[in-house]
Amino acid sequence: MGKRFSWLANHFLRLAFRLALDLTIDGLDNVPHTGALIVAINHSSFVDPMLVGAYVPRDVAMMSKAENFRLPLFKYLVKWYGAFPIERGEADRAAIKQALEVLRDGRALLMAPEGTRSSDGQLQAGHDGLALIATRTGAPILPFAIAGARPVSKNVSRLRRTKVRVNIGQPFRLKPSSPKPNREELSRLTNEVMFRLAELLPLDQRGMYRTAQPSCTS
């Protein structure tokens, strides 16, 4: 049921996006077609994860806020779409375990390192969960930067299309100095992920990652 539903849902989403968005996507050739992969997105609109599902050419498991799984009917839709719940604001061990299983099975996993949707479209501080999972699995990270999607809801209600630009960067791996990085190193690695995302966004959307430069290693 899940794979069939997600295929139909993504087909519908692509049709809907053609009507609602003036969409440009650069870098689809950077997406590895096989193997474990973490797709890291910035998050300012409800459409952000759906853009990944609709256009990344492989099945993508997604972390979704636990509140979505408490809504009648909707909880089945997000589950069939390939999402699993995560409790925000705490260390959700069950969600981390499931994320690790997805990657160890050689699948793709969508994560938003900001942890919650940005209210102003600016890139927020990243949380360490993505870096923790990436260092435990060695999975490459694909930066998937989305610009312009925040006003989609308002524009749809006014029958206006929204100009959205997606930039997909080169996949990269984090290289911790030890098998079990401490909190300080996880913070440094998280910053590396966030700067990789920031580099793909317009300057006025980079938030706190606008000026400093990361120490990046491919």
N, C-alpha and C. Protein backbone atom coordinates (compact mmCIF):
# COMPACT_ATOMS: atom_id res chain seq x y z
N MET A 1 0.83 -1.21 0.00
CA MET A 1 0.00 0.00 0.00
C MET A 1 0.87 1.27 0.00
N GLY A 2 1.95 1.25 0.83
CA GLY A 2 2.75 2.45 0.98
C GLY A 2 3.39 2.91 -0.31
N LYS A 3 4.07 2.00 -1.04
CA LYS A 3 4.76 2.38 -2.26
C LYS A 3 3.78 2.83 -3.34
N ARG A 4 2.66 2.13 -3.44
CA ARG A 4 1.65 2.51 -4.44
C ARG A 4 1.07 3.88 -4.11
N PHE A 5 0.78 4.11 -2.82
CA PHE A 5 0.22 5.40 -2.42
C PHE A 5 1.21 6.53 -2.68
N SER A 6 2.49 6.34 -2.30
CA SER A 6 3.46 7.41 -2.49
C SER A 6 3.67 7.70 -3.97
N TRP A 7 3.64 6.66 -4.82
CA TRP A 7 3.77 6.89 -6.26
C TRP A 7 2.61 7.74 -6.78
N LEU A 8 1.39 7.40 -6.38
CA LEU A 8 0.22 8.17 -6.80
C LEU A 8 0.26 9.59 -6.23
N ALA A 9 0.65 9.68 -4.97
CA ALA A 9 0.70 11.00 -4.33
C ALA A 9 1.73 11.90 -5.01
N ASN A 10 2.87 11.37 -5.33
CA ASN A 10 3.91 12.18 -5.97
C ASN A 10 3.50 12.58 -7.39
N HIS A 11 2.81 11.69 -8.09
CA HIS A 11 2.30 12.03 -9.41
C HIS A 11 1.31 13.20 -9.30
N PHE A 12 0.41 13.12 -8.33
CA PHE A 12 -0.55 14.20 -8.10
C PHE A 12 0.17 15.49 -7.71
N LEU A 13 1.18 15.39 -6.84
CA LEU A 13 1.90 16.58 -6.40
C LEU A 13 2.59 17.29 -7.55
N ARG A 14 3.20 16.53 -8.45
CA ARG A 14 3.86 17.16 -9.60
C ARG A 14 2.86 17.93 -10.45
N LEU A 15 1.66 17.36 -10.63
CA LEU A 15 0.62 18.07 -11.37
C LEU A 15 0.19 19.34 -10.63
N ALA A 16 0.02 19.23 -9.32
CA ALA A 16 -0.40 20.39 -8.53
C ALA A 16 0.68 21.47 -8.53
N PHE A 17 1.93 21.07 -8.44
CA PHE A 17 3.02 22.05 -8.42
C PHE A 17 3.12 22.78 -9.75
N ARG A 18 2.80 22.11 -10.85
CA ARG A 18 2.83 22.79 -12.14
C ARG A 18 1.82 23.93 -12.18
N LEU A 19 0.72 23.77 -11.48
CA LEU A 19 -0.31 24.80 -11.44
C LEU A 19 0.01 25.89 -10.42
N ALA A 20 0.55 25.49 -9.26
CA ALA A 20 0.70 26.43 -8.14
C ALA A 20 2.06 27.12 -8.11
N LEU A 21 3.07 26.51 -8.74
CA LEU A 21 4.43 27.03 -8.61
C LEU A 21 5.05 27.38 -9.95
N ASP A 22 5.88 28.40 -9.93
CA ASP A 22 6.83 28.67 -11.02
C ASP A 22 8.14 28.09 -10.53
N LEU A 23 8.36 26.82 -10.81
CA LEU A 23 9.40 26.04 -10.14
C LEU A 23 10.62 25.82 -11.03
N THR A 24 11.79 26.07 -10.45
CA THR A 24 13.06 25.75 -11.10
C THR A 24 13.85 24.84 -10.17
N ILE A 25 14.37 23.74 -10.70
CA ILE A 25 15.18 22.81 -9.91
C ILE A 25 16.53 22.64 -10.60
N ASP A 26 17.59 22.92 -9.88
CA ASP A 26 18.95 22.72 -10.37
C ASP A 26 19.65 21.66 -9.52
N GLY A 27 20.36 20.76 -10.17
CA GLY A 27 21.18 19.81 -9.43
C GLY A 27 20.60 18.43 -9.25
N LEU A 28 19.53 18.09 -9.97
CA LEU A 28 18.95 16.75 -9.81
C LEU A 28 19.96 15.66 -10.16
N ASP A 29 20.91 15.97 -11.02
CA ASP A 29 21.95 14.99 -11.36
C ASP A 29 22.85 14.66 -10.18
N ASN A 30 22.79 15.47 -9.12
CA ASN A 30 23.61 15.21 -7.95
C ASN A 30 23.02 14.14 -7.03
N VAL A 31 21.79 13.72 -7.29
CA VAL A 31 21.12 12.76 -6.40
C VAL A 31 21.63 11.34 -6.68
N PRO A 32 22.25 10.67 -5.70
CA PRO A 32 22.64 9.27 -5.91
C PRO A 32 21.38 8.40 -6.02
N HIS A 33 21.35 7.49 -6.97
CA HIS A 33 20.15 6.70 -7.20
C HIS A 33 20.07 5.47 -6.31
N THR A 34 21.16 5.10 -5.67
CA THR A 34 21.15 3.95 -4.78
C THR A 34 21.97 4.26 -3.53
N GLY A 35 21.78 3.45 -2.52
CA GLY A 35 22.57 3.57 -1.31
C GLY A 35 21.97 4.51 -0.28
N ALA A 36 22.46 4.38 0.94
CA ALA A 36 22.01 5.24 2.03
C ALA A 36 22.25 6.71 1.70
N LEU A 37 21.30 7.55 2.07
CA LEU A 37 21.39 8.98 1.74
C LEU A 37 20.53 9.77 2.71
N ILE A 38 21.09 10.86 3.23
CA ILE A 38 20.32 11.80 4.03
C ILE A 38 20.07 13.05 3.19
N VAL A 39 18.82 13.36 2.94
CA VAL A 39 18.45 14.58 2.22
C VAL A 39 18.18 15.66 3.27
N ALA A 40 19.03 16.67 3.31
CA ALA A 40 18.92 17.74 4.31
C ALA A 40 18.28 18.97 3.67
N ILE A 41 17.16 19.40 4.24
CA ILE A 41 16.45 20.55 3.69
C ILE A 41 16.38 21.70 4.69
N ASN A 42 16.27 22.93 4.17
CA ASN A 42 15.81 24.05 4.99
C ASN A 42 14.29 24.01 4.96
N HIS A 43 13.67 24.56 5.99
CA HIS A 43 12.23 24.34 6.14
C HIS A 43 11.51 25.64 6.47
N SER A 44 10.76 26.17 5.49
CA SER A 44 9.99 27.39 5.73
C SER A 44 8.55 27.28 5.25
N SER A 45 8.18 26.15 4.63
CA SER A 45 6.83 25.98 4.09
C SER A 45 6.39 24.53 4.20
N PHE A 46 5.08 24.32 4.26
CA PHE A 46 4.55 22.96 4.33
C PHE A 46 4.86 22.15 3.08
N VAL A 47 5.18 22.82 1.97
CA VAL A 47 5.44 22.09 0.72
C VAL A 47 6.86 21.55 0.63
N ASP A 48 7.75 21.98 1.52
CA ASP A 48 9.17 21.61 1.40
C ASP A 48 9.39 20.10 1.32
N PRO A 49 8.89 19.30 2.27
CA PRO A 49 9.11 17.85 2.16
C PRO A 49 8.44 17.24 0.94
N MET A 50 7.33 17.82 0.52
CA MET A 50 6.63 17.28 -0.65
C MET A 50 7.42 17.53 -1.93
N LEU A 51 8.18 18.61 -1.97
CA LEU A 51 9.05 18.86 -3.13
C LEU A 51 10.12 17.76 -3.24
N VAL A 52 10.63 17.35 -2.09
CA VAL A 52 11.61 16.25 -2.10
C VAL A 52 10.94 14.97 -2.59
N GLY A 53 9.79 14.64 -2.02
CA GLY A 53 9.10 13.42 -2.41
C GLY A 53 8.72 13.40 -3.88
N ALA A 54 8.32 14.55 -4.39
CA ALA A 54 7.83 14.60 -5.77
C ALA A 54 8.94 14.54 -6.80
N TYR A 55 10.12 15.09 -6.47
CA TYR A 55 11.13 15.26 -7.51
C TYR A 55 12.43 14.48 -7.30
N VAL A 56 12.73 14.05 -6.10
CA VAL A 56 13.91 13.20 -5.91
C VAL A 56 13.59 11.82 -6.46
N PRO A 57 14.38 11.30 -7.40
CA PRO A 57 14.01 10.08 -8.12
C PRO A 57 14.29 8.79 -7.36
N ARG A 58 13.77 8.70 -6.13
CA ARG A 58 13.86 7.47 -5.36
C ARG A 58 12.91 7.58 -4.17
N ASP A 59 12.60 6.44 -3.56
CA ASP A 59 11.74 6.47 -2.38
C ASP A 59 12.47 7.13 -1.23
N VAL A 60 11.78 8.04 -0.54
CA VAL A 60 12.40 8.79 0.54
C VAL A 60 11.55 8.63 1.80
N ALA A 61 12.15 8.10 2.86
CA ALA A 61 11.48 8.07 4.16
C ALA A 61 11.65 9.43 4.81
N MET A 62 10.63 9.85 5.57
CA MET A 62 10.65 11.20 6.11
C MET A 62 10.33 11.21 7.59
N MET A 63 11.06 12.05 8.33
CA MET A 63 10.66 12.36 9.69
C MET A 63 9.57 13.42 9.65
N SER A 64 8.51 13.22 10.41
CA SER A 64 7.42 14.19 10.45
C SER A 64 7.02 14.41 11.90
N LYS A 65 6.67 15.63 12.24
CA LYS A 65 6.33 15.93 13.64
C LYS A 65 5.21 15.01 14.13
N ALA A 66 5.33 14.60 15.38
CA ALA A 66 4.41 13.61 15.94
C ALA A 66 2.97 14.09 15.92
N GLU A 67 2.76 15.40 15.95
CA GLU A 67 1.39 15.93 15.93
C GLU A 67 0.63 15.48 14.68
N ASN A 68 1.34 15.28 13.57
CA ASN A 68 0.68 14.85 12.34
C ASN A 68 0.08 13.45 12.46
N PHE A 69 0.62 12.65 13.38
CA PHE A 69 0.16 11.28 13.55
C PHE A 69 -0.96 11.18 14.58
N ARG A 70 -1.41 12.31 15.08
CA ARG A 70 -2.51 12.34 16.05
C ARG A 70 -3.79 12.88 15.42
N LEU A 71 -3.73 13.17 14.11
CA LEU A 71 -4.89 13.71 13.40
C LEU A 71 -5.64 12.59 12.70
N PRO A 72 -6.96 12.53 12.86
CA PRO A 72 -7.74 11.49 12.18
C PRO A 72 -7.51 11.54 10.67
N LEU A 73 -7.42 10.39 10.05
CA LEU A 73 -7.21 10.22 8.62
C LEU A 73 -5.84 10.69 8.17
N PHE A 74 -5.46 11.93 8.53
CA PHE A 74 -4.18 12.46 8.06
C PHE A 74 -3.02 11.59 8.51
N LYS A 75 -3.14 10.97 9.70
CA LYS A 75 -2.05 10.13 10.19
C LYS A 75 -1.80 8.95 9.26
N TYR A 76 -2.86 8.45 8.62
CA TYR A 76 -2.68 7.34 7.68
C TYR A 76 -2.03 7.83 6.39
N LEU A 77 -2.38 9.03 5.96
CA LEU A 77 -1.80 9.57 4.74
C LEU A 77 -0.30 9.78 4.87
N VAL A 78 0.14 10.36 6.01
CA VAL A 78 1.57 10.61 6.17
C VAL A 78 2.32 9.29 6.35
N LYS A 79 1.68 8.33 7.01
CA LYS A 79 2.32 7.02 7.18
C LYS A 79 2.47 6.32 5.85
N TRP A 80 1.41 6.32 5.04
CA TRP A 80 1.47 5.68 3.72
C TRP A 80 2.47 6.38 2.81
N TYR A 81 2.68 7.67 3.07
CA TYR A 81 3.61 8.43 2.24
C TYR A 81 5.07 8.13 2.59
N GLY A 82 5.28 7.40 3.65
CA GLY A 82 6.64 7.01 4.02
C GLY A 82 7.21 7.76 5.20
N ALA A 83 6.36 8.46 5.94
CA ALA A 83 6.84 9.25 7.08
C ALA A 83 6.73 8.45 8.37
N PHE A 84 7.56 8.83 9.34
CA PHE A 84 7.44 8.28 10.68
C PHE A 84 7.59 9.42 11.68
N PRO A 85 6.99 9.27 12.87
CA PRO A 85 6.90 10.41 13.79
C PRO A 85 8.17 10.69 14.56
N ILE A 86 8.36 11.96 14.89
CA ILE A 86 9.42 12.38 15.79
C ILE A 86 8.84 13.43 16.74
N GLU A 87 9.12 13.26 18.03
CA GLU A 87 8.71 14.24 19.03
C GLU A 87 9.71 15.38 19.02
N ARG A 88 9.24 16.58 18.75
CA ARG A 88 10.14 17.72 18.69
C ARG A 88 10.49 18.22 20.09
N GLY A 89 11.68 18.80 20.21
CA GLY A 89 12.09 19.38 21.47
C GLY A 89 12.63 18.39 22.47
N GLU A 90 12.86 17.16 22.04
CA GLU A 90 13.41 16.16 22.95
C GLU A 90 14.20 15.14 22.15
N ALA A 91 15.01 14.35 22.85
CA ALA A 91 15.77 13.29 22.19
C ALA A 91 14.85 12.09 22.01
N ASP A 92 14.28 11.95 20.83
CA ASP A 92 13.33 10.88 20.54
C ASP A 92 14.10 9.64 20.09
N ARG A 93 14.35 8.74 21.02
CA ARG A 93 15.18 7.58 20.72
C ARG A 93 14.52 6.65 19.70
N ALA A 94 13.20 6.53 19.76
CA ALA A 94 12.50 5.66 18.80
C ALA A 94 12.66 6.19 17.38
N ALA A 95 12.56 7.51 17.22
CA ALA A 95 12.72 8.11 15.89
C ALA A 95 14.15 7.97 15.39
N ILE A 96 15.12 8.15 16.29
CA ILE A 96 16.52 7.99 15.91
C ILE A 96 16.78 6.55 15.48
N LYS A 97 16.24 5.60 16.24
CA LYS A 97 16.42 4.18 15.89
C LYS A 97 15.84 3.88 14.52
N GLN A 98 14.66 4.41 14.23
CA GLN A 98 14.04 4.16 12.93
C GLN A 98 14.84 4.81 11.80
N ALA A 99 15.36 6.01 12.06
CA ALA A 99 16.19 6.69 11.05
C ALA A 99 17.44 5.87 10.74
N LEU A 100 18.06 5.35 11.78
CA LEU A 100 19.25 4.52 11.58
C LEU A 100 18.93 3.27 10.77
N GLU A 101 17.77 2.67 11.02
CA GLU A 101 17.36 1.48 10.28
C GLU A 101 17.15 1.79 8.80
N VAL A 102 16.54 2.94 8.51
CA VAL A 102 16.33 3.36 7.12
C VAL A 102 17.66 3.42 6.38
N LEU A 103 18.64 4.05 7.00
CA LEU A 103 19.93 4.23 6.35
C LEU A 103 20.72 2.94 6.26
N ARG A 104 20.64 2.12 7.29
CA ARG A 104 21.37 0.85 7.25
C ARG A 104 20.76 -0.12 6.24
N ASP A 105 19.51 0.14 5.86
CA ASP A 105 18.89 -0.63 4.79
C ASP A 105 19.23 -0.09 3.40
N GLY A 106 20.06 0.95 3.35
CA GLY A 106 20.47 1.53 2.07
C GLY A 106 19.43 2.41 1.43
N ARG A 107 18.56 3.01 2.24
CA ARG A 107 17.48 3.84 1.71
C ARG A 107 17.80 5.33 1.92
N ALA A 108 16.91 6.18 1.43
CA ALA A 108 17.06 7.63 1.57
C ALA A 108 16.18 8.13 2.71
N LEU A 109 16.68 9.10 3.44
CA LEU A 109 15.98 9.67 4.59
C LEU A 109 15.98 11.19 4.48
N LEU A 110 14.81 11.80 4.62
CA LEU A 110 14.69 13.25 4.62
C LEU A 110 14.74 13.77 6.05
N MET A 111 15.58 14.79 6.28
CA MET A 111 15.65 15.44 7.59
C MET A 111 15.73 16.95 7.40
N ALA A 112 15.10 17.67 8.33
CA ALA A 112 15.20 19.13 8.37
C ALA A 112 15.98 19.49 9.62
N PRO A 113 17.28 19.80 9.49
CA PRO A 113 18.10 20.02 10.68
C PRO A 113 17.68 21.19 11.54
N GLU A 114 16.86 22.11 11.01
CA GLU A 114 16.36 23.20 11.84
C GLU A 114 15.37 22.71 12.89
N GLY A 115 14.76 21.55 12.64
CA GLY A 115 13.87 20.96 13.62
C GLY A 115 12.43 21.43 13.55
N THR A 116 12.20 22.64 13.06
CA THR A 116 10.85 23.17 12.92
C THR A 116 10.83 24.20 11.81
N ARG A 117 9.64 24.53 11.34
CA ARG A 117 9.51 25.45 10.22
C ARG A 117 9.91 26.87 10.61
N SER A 118 10.67 27.53 9.76
CA SER A 118 11.07 28.91 10.00
C SER A 118 9.88 29.84 9.79
N SER A 119 9.66 30.74 10.72
CA SER A 119 8.50 31.64 10.63
C SER A 119 8.75 32.81 9.68
N ASP A 120 10.02 33.10 9.39
CA ASP A 120 10.31 34.25 8.53
C ASP A 120 11.10 33.88 7.27
N GLY A 121 11.30 32.58 7.05
CA GLY A 121 12.03 32.13 5.87
C GLY A 121 13.53 32.14 6.02
N GLN A 122 14.04 32.68 7.14
CA GLN A 122 15.48 32.71 7.39
C GLN A 122 15.95 31.35 7.90
N LEU A 123 17.16 30.97 7.54
CA LEU A 123 17.73 29.72 8.01
C LEU A 123 17.98 29.83 9.51
N GLN A 124 17.40 28.90 10.27
CA GLN A 124 17.53 28.89 11.72
C GLN A 124 18.73 28.04 12.15
N ALA A 125 19.02 28.10 13.43
CA ALA A 125 20.10 27.29 13.98
C ALA A 125 19.78 25.81 13.80
N GLY A 126 20.77 25.04 13.39
CA GLY A 126 20.58 23.61 13.21
C GLY A 126 20.69 22.86 14.52
N HIS A 127 19.96 21.74 14.61
CA HIS A 127 20.07 20.84 15.75
C HIS A 127 21.00 19.68 15.38
N ASP A 128 21.50 19.00 16.40
CA ASP A 128 22.56 18.03 16.18
C ASP A 128 22.09 16.65 15.74
N GLY A 129 20.78 16.43 15.65
CA GLY A 129 20.28 15.10 15.33
C GLY A 129 20.78 14.57 14.00
N LEU A 130 20.80 15.42 12.97
CA LEU A 130 21.25 14.96 11.66
C LEU A 130 22.73 14.58 11.70
N ALA A 131 23.53 15.39 12.34
CA ALA A 131 24.96 15.08 12.44
C ALA A 131 25.19 13.79 13.21
N LEU A 132 24.42 13.57 14.27
CA LEU A 132 24.53 12.35 15.05
C LEU A 132 24.24 11.12 14.19
N ILE A 133 23.14 11.17 13.44
CA ILE A 133 22.75 10.04 12.61
C ILE A 133 23.74 9.83 11.47
N ALA A 134 24.21 10.93 10.88
CA ALA A 134 25.18 10.82 9.78
C ALA A 134 26.49 10.21 10.25
N THR A 135 26.96 10.58 11.42
CA THR A 135 28.24 10.04 11.89
C THR A 135 28.10 8.59 12.32
N ARG A 136 26.93 8.21 12.78
CA ARG A 136 26.74 6.81 13.19
C ARG A 136 26.66 5.87 11.99
N THR A 137 26.18 6.37 10.88
CA THR A 137 25.96 5.51 9.72
C THR A 137 26.97 5.72 8.60
N GLY A 138 27.63 6.87 8.59
CA GLY A 138 28.53 7.20 7.48
C GLY A 138 27.80 7.56 6.21
N ALA A 139 26.50 7.79 6.29
CA ALA A 139 25.69 8.09 5.10
C ALA A 139 26.05 9.46 4.54
N PRO A 140 26.10 9.59 3.21
CA PRO A 140 26.32 10.91 2.61
C PRO A 140 25.10 11.80 2.81
N ILE A 141 25.35 13.09 2.81
CA ILE A 141 24.30 14.10 3.01
C ILE A 141 24.12 14.87 1.71
N LEU A 142 22.88 14.99 1.27
CA LEU A 142 22.55 15.74 0.06
C LEU A 142 21.86 17.04 0.47
N PRO A 143 22.52 18.20 0.31
CA PRO A 143 21.86 19.47 0.65
C PRO A 143 20.81 19.85 -0.40
N PHE A 144 19.59 20.07 0.06
CA PHE A 144 18.44 20.35 -0.81
C PHE A 144 17.86 21.68 -0.34
N ALA A 145 18.26 22.77 -1.00
CA ALA A 145 17.91 24.11 -0.55
C ALA A 145 16.71 24.65 -1.33
N ILE A 146 15.73 25.17 -0.60
CA ILE A 146 14.47 25.63 -1.19
C ILE A 146 14.30 27.12 -0.91
N ALA A 147 14.17 27.91 -1.95
CA ALA A 147 14.01 29.35 -1.80
C ALA A 147 12.67 29.79 -2.37
N GLY A 148 11.95 30.61 -1.60
CA GLY A 148 10.74 31.23 -2.11
C GLY A 148 9.45 30.52 -1.81
N ALA A 149 9.47 29.40 -1.08
CA ALA A 149 8.25 28.61 -0.89
C ALA A 149 7.35 29.11 0.23
N ARG A 150 7.84 29.98 1.07
CA ARG A 150 7.06 30.39 2.25
C ARG A 150 5.68 30.95 1.93
N PRO A 151 5.49 31.79 0.89
CA PRO A 151 4.15 32.35 0.65
C PRO A 151 3.21 31.47 -0.16
N VAL A 152 3.52 30.19 -0.31
CA VAL A 152 2.68 29.32 -1.16
C VAL A 152 1.22 29.32 -0.71
N SER A 153 0.97 29.13 0.59
CA SER A 153 -0.41 29.06 1.08
C SER A 153 -1.19 30.33 0.74
N LYS A 154 -0.59 31.47 1.02
CA LYS A 154 -1.25 32.75 0.75
C LYS A 154 -1.50 32.92 -0.75
N ASN A 155 -0.52 32.57 -1.56
CA ASN A 155 -0.67 32.77 -3.01
C ASN A 155 -1.71 31.82 -3.61
N VAL A 156 -1.77 30.59 -3.11
CA VAL A 156 -2.78 29.65 -3.61
C VAL A 156 -4.18 30.18 -3.34
N SER A 157 -4.39 30.74 -2.15
CA SER A 157 -5.71 31.29 -1.81
C SER A 157 -6.08 32.47 -2.69
N ARG A 158 -5.07 33.12 -3.29
CA ARG A 158 -5.31 34.25 -4.17
C ARG A 158 -5.16 33.87 -5.64
N LEU A 159 -5.05 32.57 -5.89
CA LEU A 159 -4.90 32.03 -7.25
C LEU A 159 -3.66 32.61 -7.96
N ARG A 160 -2.59 32.75 -7.18
CA ARG A 160 -1.33 33.23 -7.73
C ARG A 160 -0.29 32.11 -7.67
N ARG A 161 0.57 32.06 -8.66
CA ARG A 161 1.67 31.09 -8.63
C ARG A 161 2.82 31.67 -7.80
N THR A 162 3.56 30.79 -7.20
CA THR A 162 4.70 31.19 -6.36
C THR A 162 5.99 30.78 -7.05
N LYS A 163 6.93 31.72 -7.13
CA LYS A 163 8.22 31.41 -7.74
C LYS A 163 9.10 30.71 -6.71
N VAL A 164 9.45 29.47 -6.98
CA VAL A 164 10.26 28.66 -6.07
C VAL A 164 11.50 28.17 -6.80
N ARG A 165 12.63 28.26 -6.12
CA ARG A 165 13.89 27.81 -6.70
C ARG A 165 14.50 26.75 -5.78
N VAL A 166 14.79 25.58 -6.34
CA VAL A 166 15.43 24.50 -5.59
C VAL A 166 16.84 24.32 -6.12
N ASN A 167 17.81 24.34 -5.23
CA ASN A 167 19.21 24.07 -5.58
C ASN A 167 19.66 22.82 -4.81
N ILE A 168 20.10 21.82 -5.53
CA ILE A 168 20.56 20.58 -4.92
C ILE A 168 22.08 20.51 -5.06
N GLY A 169 22.75 20.44 -3.94
CA GLY A 169 24.20 20.44 -3.96
C GLY A 169 24.81 19.06 -4.14
N GLN A 170 26.12 19.02 -4.11
CA GLN A 170 26.84 17.76 -4.18
C GLN A 170 26.73 17.03 -2.84
N PRO A 171 26.53 15.71 -2.88
CA PRO A 171 26.52 14.96 -1.62
C PRO A 171 27.90 14.99 -0.97
N PHE A 172 27.92 14.98 0.35
CA PHE A 172 29.18 15.01 1.09
C PHE A 172 29.02 14.17 2.37
N ARG A 173 30.15 13.79 2.93
CA ARG A 173 30.14 13.03 4.18
C ARG A 173 30.80 13.85 5.29
N LEU A 174 30.24 13.73 6.49
CA LEU A 174 30.89 14.33 7.65
C LEU A 174 32.03 13.43 8.11
N LYS A 175 33.09 14.07 8.59
CA LYS A 175 34.26 13.31 9.02
C LYS A 175 34.61 13.67 10.46
N PRO A 176 33.99 12.98 11.41
CA PRO A 176 34.31 13.25 12.82
C PRO A 176 35.72 12.78 13.15
N SER A 177 36.29 13.37 14.18
CA SER A 177 37.64 13.00 14.57
C SER A 177 37.67 11.73 15.43
N SER A 178 36.50 11.28 15.88
CA SER A 178 36.43 10.06 16.67
C SER A 178 35.13 9.33 16.34
N PRO A 179 35.06 8.01 16.60
CA PRO A 179 33.84 7.25 16.29
C PRO A 179 32.62 7.75 17.05
N LYS A 180 32.83 8.30 18.23
CA LYS A 180 31.72 8.82 19.03
C LYS A 180 31.99 10.29 19.35
N PRO A 181 31.64 11.18 18.43
CA PRO A 181 31.92 12.61 18.65
C PRO A 181 31.16 13.15 19.85
N ASN A 182 31.81 14.05 20.59
CA ASN A 182 31.16 14.67 21.74
C ASN A 182 30.25 15.80 21.28
N ARG A 183 29.61 16.43 22.23
CA ARG A 183 28.62 17.47 21.90
C ARG A 183 29.25 18.63 21.14
N GLU A 184 30.46 19.00 21.53
CA GLU A 184 31.13 20.13 20.86
C GLU A 184 31.41 19.80 19.38
N GLU A 185 31.88 18.58 19.13
CA GLU A 185 32.15 18.23 17.74
C GLU A 185 30.88 18.07 16.94
N LEU A 186 29.83 17.51 17.55
CA LEU A 186 28.55 17.42 16.85
C LEU A 186 28.05 18.79 16.45
N SER A 187 28.25 19.77 17.32
CA SER A 187 27.85 21.14 17.00
C SER A 187 28.64 21.67 15.80
N ARG A 188 29.93 21.37 15.77
CA ARG A 188 30.75 21.80 14.63
C ARG A 188 30.29 21.14 13.34
N LEU A 189 29.99 19.85 13.40
CA LEU A 189 29.54 19.13 12.21
C LEU A 189 28.16 19.62 11.76
N THR A 190 27.32 19.94 12.73
CA THR A 190 26.01 20.50 12.39
C THR A 190 26.18 21.82 11.64
N ASN A 191 27.09 22.65 12.10
CA ASN A 191 27.36 23.92 11.41
C ASN A 191 27.82 23.67 9.97
N GLU A 192 28.62 22.63 9.78
CA GLU A 192 29.06 22.32 8.42
C GLU A 192 27.86 22.03 7.51
N VAL A 193 26.92 21.24 8.02
CA VAL A 193 25.72 20.93 7.24
C VAL A 193 24.94 22.21 6.93
N MET A 194 24.79 23.07 7.94
CA MET A 194 23.99 24.27 7.76
C MET A 194 24.64 25.24 6.77
N PHE A 195 25.97 25.34 6.82
CA PHE A 195 26.65 26.20 5.86
C PHE A 195 26.56 25.66 4.44
N ARG A 196 26.58 24.35 4.30
CA ARG A 196 26.38 23.76 2.98
C ARG A 196 25.02 24.13 2.42
N LEU A 197 24.00 24.10 3.27
CA LEU A 197 22.66 24.53 2.84
C LEU A 197 22.66 26.02 2.51
N ALA A 198 23.26 26.80 3.39
CA ALA A 198 23.25 28.26 3.22
C ALA A 198 23.87 28.68 1.91
N GLU A 199 24.94 28.00 1.52
CA GLU A 199 25.63 28.34 0.27
C GLU A 199 24.73 28.21 -0.95
N LEU A 200 23.66 27.40 -0.83
CA LEU A 200 22.76 27.16 -1.95
C LEU A 200 21.53 28.06 -1.92
N LEU A 201 21.42 28.90 -0.88
CA LEU A 201 20.28 29.78 -0.72
C LEU A 201 20.65 31.22 -1.08
N PRO A 202 19.66 32.05 -1.44
CA PRO A 202 19.94 33.47 -1.63
C PRO A 202 20.51 34.06 -0.34
N LEU A 203 21.32 35.08 -0.48
CA LEU A 203 21.99 35.69 0.66
C LEU A 203 20.99 36.12 1.74
N ASP A 204 19.84 36.66 1.31
CA ASP A 204 18.88 37.19 2.28
C ASP A 204 18.05 36.10 2.95
N GLN A 205 18.34 34.84 2.67
CA GLN A 205 17.61 33.75 3.31
C GLN A 205 18.54 32.88 4.17
N ARG A 206 19.80 33.27 4.26
CA ARG A 206 20.78 32.43 4.96
C ARG A 206 20.78 32.60 6.47
N GLY A 207 20.10 33.62 6.97
CA GLY A 207 19.98 33.81 8.41
C GLY A 207 21.33 33.92 9.09
N MET A 208 21.49 33.17 10.20
CA MET A 208 22.70 33.25 11.00
C MET A 208 23.92 32.64 10.31
N TYR A 209 23.70 32.00 9.15
CA TYR A 209 24.81 31.37 8.41
C TYR A 209 25.22 32.21 7.20
N ARG A 210 24.96 33.50 7.27
CA ARG A 210 25.21 34.36 6.12
C ARG A 210 26.68 34.64 5.87
N THR A 211 27.47 34.90 6.90
CA THR A 211 28.81 35.44 6.68
C THR A 211 29.95 34.50 7.02
N ALA A 212 29.84 33.76 8.12
CA ALA A 212 30.97 32.90 8.51
C ALA A 212 31.14 31.78 7.52
N GLN A 213 32.35 31.28 7.40
CA GLN A 213 32.64 30.21 6.47
C GLN A 213 32.93 28.92 7.22
N PRO A 214 32.35 27.79 6.76
CA PRO A 214 32.60 26.52 7.42
C PRO A 214 33.94 25.94 7.01
N SER A 215 34.40 25.00 7.79
CA SER A 215 35.56 24.22 7.39
C SER A 215 35.04 22.92 6.81
N CYS A 216 34.86 22.88 5.49
CA CYS A 216 34.19 21.77 4.83
C CYS A 216 35.19 20.79 4.24
N THR A 217 34.85 19.52 4.36
CA THR A 217 35.63 18.48 3.71
C THR A 217 34.70 17.60 2.94
N SER A 218 35.06 17.25 1.71
CA SER A 218 34.17 16.46 0.86
C SER A 218 34.16 15.02 1.29
